N, C-alpha and C. Protein backbone atom coordinates (compact mmCIF):
# COMPACT_ATOMS: atom_id res chain seq x y z
N MET A 1 0.49 -1.36 0.08
CA MET A 1 0.48 -0.16 -0.42
C MET A 1 0.72 0.85 0.52
N GLN A 2 -0.04 2.56 -0.07
CA GLN A 2 1.30 3.57 -0.52
C GLN A 2 0.24 4.83 -0.10
N GLU A 3 0.79 5.61 0.26
CA GLU A 3 0.04 6.80 1.08
C GLU A 3 0.09 7.71 0.18
N ARG A 4 -0.85 8.20 -0.90
CA ARG A 4 -0.56 9.24 -1.45
C ARG A 4 -0.69 10.65 -0.97
N THR A 5 -0.13 11.37 -1.33
CA THR A 5 0.02 13.10 -0.98
C THR A 5 -0.95 13.82 -1.46
N GLY A 6 -1.53 14.72 -0.20
CA GLY A 6 -1.98 15.84 -0.89
C GLY A 6 -3.39 15.38 -0.08
N ASN A 7 -3.84 13.81 0.22
CA ASN A 7 -5.12 13.34 0.39
C ASN A 7 -5.20 12.33 2.33
N ASP A 8 -3.90 11.89 3.07
CA ASP A 8 -3.60 11.33 3.71
C ASP A 8 -4.30 9.88 3.41
N ASP A 9 -5.09 9.05 2.27
CA ASP A 9 -5.44 8.31 1.82
C ASP A 9 -4.65 7.92 1.79
N TRP A 10 -4.21 5.85 1.72
CA TRP A 10 -3.72 5.03 1.09
C TRP A 10 -4.47 3.75 0.12
N TYR A 11 -3.54 2.99 -1.24
CA TYR A 11 -4.03 2.88 -2.05
C TYR A 11 -2.87 1.70 -2.49
N PHE A 12 -3.93 0.99 -3.02
CA PHE A 12 -2.49 -0.23 -3.71
C PHE A 12 -2.19 0.91 -5.25
N PRO A 13 -0.48 0.08 -5.14
CA PRO A 13 -0.20 0.65 -6.41
C PRO A 13 -1.35 0.93 -7.77
N GLY A 14 -1.09 1.68 -8.63
CA GLY A 14 -2.20 0.67 -9.71
C GLY A 14 -2.70 2.20 -10.68
N GLY A 15 -3.16 1.62 -11.84
CA GLY A 15 -3.48 2.96 -13.15
C GLY A 15 -4.08 2.53 -13.98
N PHE A 16 -3.97 2.99 -15.08
CA PHE A 16 -4.51 2.62 -16.88
C PHE A 16 -3.64 2.11 -17.98
N MET A 17 -4.23 1.19 -18.20
CA MET A 17 -3.65 0.51 -18.74
C MET A 17 -2.98 1.20 -19.96
N GLU A 18 -2.51 0.69 -20.95
CA GLU A 18 -2.07 1.82 -21.99
C GLU A 18 -2.32 0.50 -23.27
N PHE A 19 -2.69 1.27 -24.37
CA PHE A 19 -3.35 0.74 -25.66
C PHE A 19 -2.41 -0.07 -25.54
N GLY A 20 -2.83 -1.85 -26.15
CA GLY A 20 -1.48 -3.05 -26.24
C GLY A 20 -1.62 -3.52 -25.52
N GLU A 21 -1.48 -3.08 -24.01
CA GLU A 21 -0.64 -3.74 -22.24
C GLU A 21 -1.54 -5.07 -22.79
N THR A 22 -0.88 -5.98 -21.88
CA THR A 22 -1.75 -7.11 -20.85
C THR A 22 -1.44 -7.04 -19.33
N LEU A 23 -2.63 -7.13 -18.88
CA LEU A 23 -2.79 -6.71 -17.53
C LEU A 23 -1.90 -7.02 -16.72
N PHE A 24 -0.51 -7.64 -17.07
CA PHE A 24 0.80 -7.88 -16.00
C PHE A 24 1.41 -7.06 -16.03
N GLU A 25 1.69 -7.05 -18.20
CA GLU A 25 2.52 -5.22 -18.03
C GLU A 25 1.86 -4.00 -17.54
N THR A 26 0.98 -4.65 -18.16
CA THR A 26 0.69 -3.18 -16.57
C THR A 26 0.58 -2.80 -15.42
N CYS A 27 -0.18 -3.89 -14.53
CA CYS A 27 0.79 -4.02 -13.30
C CYS A 27 2.21 -3.78 -13.54
N LYS A 28 3.57 -4.70 -13.82
CA LYS A 28 4.25 -4.44 -13.95
C LYS A 28 4.74 -2.73 -13.56
N ARG A 29 4.24 -1.99 -14.89
CA ARG A 29 4.59 -0.80 -14.90
C ARG A 29 3.74 0.15 -14.10
N GLU A 30 2.91 -0.32 -13.31
CA GLU A 30 2.34 0.66 -12.91
C GLU A 30 2.96 0.76 -11.59
N PHE A 31 3.52 -0.32 -11.09
CA PHE A 31 3.52 -0.65 -9.81
C PHE A 31 5.21 0.32 -10.28
N LYS A 32 5.87 0.15 -10.60
CA LYS A 32 7.55 0.45 -10.85
C LYS A 32 6.89 1.85 -10.98
N GLU A 33 6.01 2.89 -11.92
CA GLU A 33 5.65 3.63 -11.36
C GLU A 33 5.46 4.72 -10.62
N ASP A 34 4.39 3.95 -9.80
CA ASP A 34 3.95 4.46 -8.27
C ASP A 34 5.08 4.19 -6.88
N SER A 35 5.77 3.71 -6.94
CA SER A 35 6.99 3.12 -5.95
C SER A 35 8.37 2.91 -5.96
N GLY A 36 8.44 2.96 -7.80
CA GLY A 36 10.17 2.58 -8.28
C GLY A 36 10.72 0.93 -7.86
N VAL A 37 9.64 -0.02 -7.21
CA VAL A 37 10.32 -1.13 -7.55
C VAL A 37 9.95 -1.86 -8.16
N GLU A 38 10.72 -2.41 -8.98
CA GLU A 38 10.25 -4.01 -10.15
C GLU A 38 9.98 -5.00 -9.21
N ILE A 39 8.61 -4.95 -10.24
CA ILE A 39 8.31 -6.70 -9.70
C ILE A 39 7.89 -7.35 -10.71
N GLU A 40 7.60 -9.21 -9.98
CA GLU A 40 6.48 -9.63 -11.54
C GLU A 40 5.43 -10.02 -10.92
N PRO A 41 4.41 -9.48 -11.87
CA PRO A 41 3.28 -10.59 -11.14
C PRO A 41 3.48 -12.24 -11.13
N VAL A 42 2.78 -12.59 -10.11
CA VAL A 42 2.89 -14.29 -9.90
C VAL A 42 1.48 -14.54 -10.19
N THR A 43 0.39 -14.89 -9.81
CA THR A 43 -0.98 -14.45 -10.46
C THR A 43 -1.85 -13.21 -10.09
N LEU A 44 -2.87 -13.34 -10.58
CA LEU A 44 -4.57 -12.58 -10.64
C LEU A 44 -4.99 -13.25 -8.91
N LEU A 45 -5.76 -12.51 -8.43
CA LEU A 45 -6.45 -12.92 -7.23
C LEU A 45 -7.15 -12.88 -7.06
N LYS A 46 -7.93 -11.57 -8.02
CA LYS A 46 -8.77 -11.39 -7.85
C LYS A 46 -8.96 -10.25 -9.42
N THR A 47 -10.80 -9.90 -9.42
CA THR A 47 -11.72 -8.79 -10.14
C THR A 47 -12.25 -8.64 -9.32
N PHE A 48 -12.13 -6.75 -9.71
CA PHE A 48 -13.38 -6.65 -8.99
C PHE A 48 -13.81 -5.30 -10.33
N ASP A 49 -15.71 -5.37 -10.40
CA ASP A 49 -16.18 -5.05 -11.51
C ASP A 49 -17.29 -4.28 -11.20
N THR A 50 -17.92 -4.17 -10.29
CA THR A 50 -18.75 -3.83 -9.72
C THR A 50 -19.03 -1.74 -9.42
N ASP A 51 -17.65 -1.63 -8.97
CA ASP A 51 -16.99 -0.56 -8.24
C ASP A 51 -18.10 1.05 -9.64
N ILE A 52 -18.46 2.14 -9.48
CA ILE A 52 -18.82 3.35 -10.40
C ILE A 52 -18.00 3.97 -9.88
N TYR A 53 -17.37 4.88 -10.48
CA TYR A 53 -16.82 6.61 -10.17
C TYR A 53 -17.37 7.80 -11.05
N THR A 54 -18.14 8.67 -10.36
CA THR A 54 -18.78 9.92 -10.94
C THR A 54 -17.65 10.93 -10.55
N TYR A 55 -17.57 11.67 -12.03
CA TYR A 55 -16.73 12.13 -12.34
C TYR A 55 -17.23 13.59 -11.62
N PRO A 56 -16.74 14.59 -11.25
CA PRO A 56 -17.44 16.54 -10.50
C PRO A 56 -18.24 16.71 -11.95
N ASN A 57 -18.33 16.17 -13.22
CA ASN A 57 -18.89 16.78 -14.24
C ASN A 57 -20.37 16.37 -14.08
N GLY A 58 -20.40 14.89 -13.24
CA GLY A 58 -21.52 14.17 -13.60
C GLY A 58 -21.52 12.78 -14.09
N ASP A 59 -20.50 12.51 -14.67
CA ASP A 59 -20.37 11.52 -15.74
C ASP A 59 -20.36 10.18 -15.10
N GLN A 60 -20.12 9.02 -15.63
CA GLN A 60 -19.97 8.07 -14.71
C GLN A 60 -19.07 7.55 -15.40
N THR A 61 -18.22 6.34 -14.92
CA THR A 61 -17.51 5.33 -15.74
C THR A 61 -17.49 4.35 -14.81
N GLN A 62 -17.91 3.29 -15.34
CA GLN A 62 -17.73 1.26 -14.22
C GLN A 62 -15.98 0.78 -13.99
N LEU A 63 -15.48 0.73 -13.08
CA LEU A 63 -13.72 0.60 -13.15
C LEU A 63 -14.04 -0.53 -12.66
N ILE A 64 -13.27 -1.49 -12.99
CA ILE A 64 -12.83 -3.38 -13.14
C ILE A 64 -11.01 -2.61 -12.77
N THR A 65 -10.57 -3.37 -11.99
CA THR A 65 -9.60 -3.56 -10.75
C THR A 65 -8.99 -5.19 -11.13
N ASN A 66 -8.00 -5.03 -10.76
CA ASN A 66 -7.18 -6.05 -11.08
C ASN A 66 -6.24 -6.05 -10.00
N LEU A 67 -6.54 -8.13 -9.05
CA LEU A 67 -5.96 -7.51 -7.73
C LEU A 67 -4.82 -8.79 -8.02
N PHE A 68 -3.49 -8.08 -7.99
CA PHE A 68 -1.98 -9.86 -8.35
C PHE A 68 -1.59 -9.64 -6.86
N LEU A 69 -0.95 -10.74 -6.98
CA LEU A 69 0.01 -11.12 -5.80
C LEU A 69 1.41 -10.90 -6.70
N VAL A 70 2.01 -10.23 -6.26
CA VAL A 70 3.43 -9.40 -7.02
C VAL A 70 4.25 -10.43 -5.77
N LYS A 71 5.54 -10.41 -6.79
CA LYS A 71 7.41 -10.65 -5.69
C LYS A 71 8.08 -9.51 -6.34
N LYS A 72 8.68 -9.44 -5.29
CA LYS A 72 10.03 -7.96 -5.87
C LYS A 72 10.92 -8.80 -5.96
N VAL A 73 11.42 -7.70 -7.78
CA VAL A 73 12.32 -8.16 -8.68
C VAL A 73 13.47 -7.42 -7.97
N SER A 74 13.57 -5.71 -7.93
CA SER A 74 14.59 -5.30 -7.42
C SER A 74 14.07 -3.89 -7.27
N GLY A 75 14.90 -3.02 -6.80
CA GLY A 75 14.54 -1.35 -6.19
C GLY A 75 14.39 -0.81 -4.47
N HIS A 76 14.21 -0.16 -4.20
CA HIS A 76 14.02 -0.07 -2.63
C HIS A 76 12.54 1.49 -3.11
N LEU A 77 11.95 1.25 -2.18
CA LEU A 77 11.02 2.33 -1.56
C LEU A 77 11.38 3.89 -1.63
């Protein structure tokens, strides 16, 4: 888990997929971007697909979140 600056909330590392990426590639890239640690996804643990996010303008989107078990390859927090 990581503490986000500015709002004192804790989150799992993550973000949005880039076009053409696999779930495992996205997991590795986002974890490195968010934490500075290189990881290797071991397995997909769960997919959450019922969350709805409402933007300030009222638009809504359905979030799909994938939770992975990962192992550290290199780097420091």
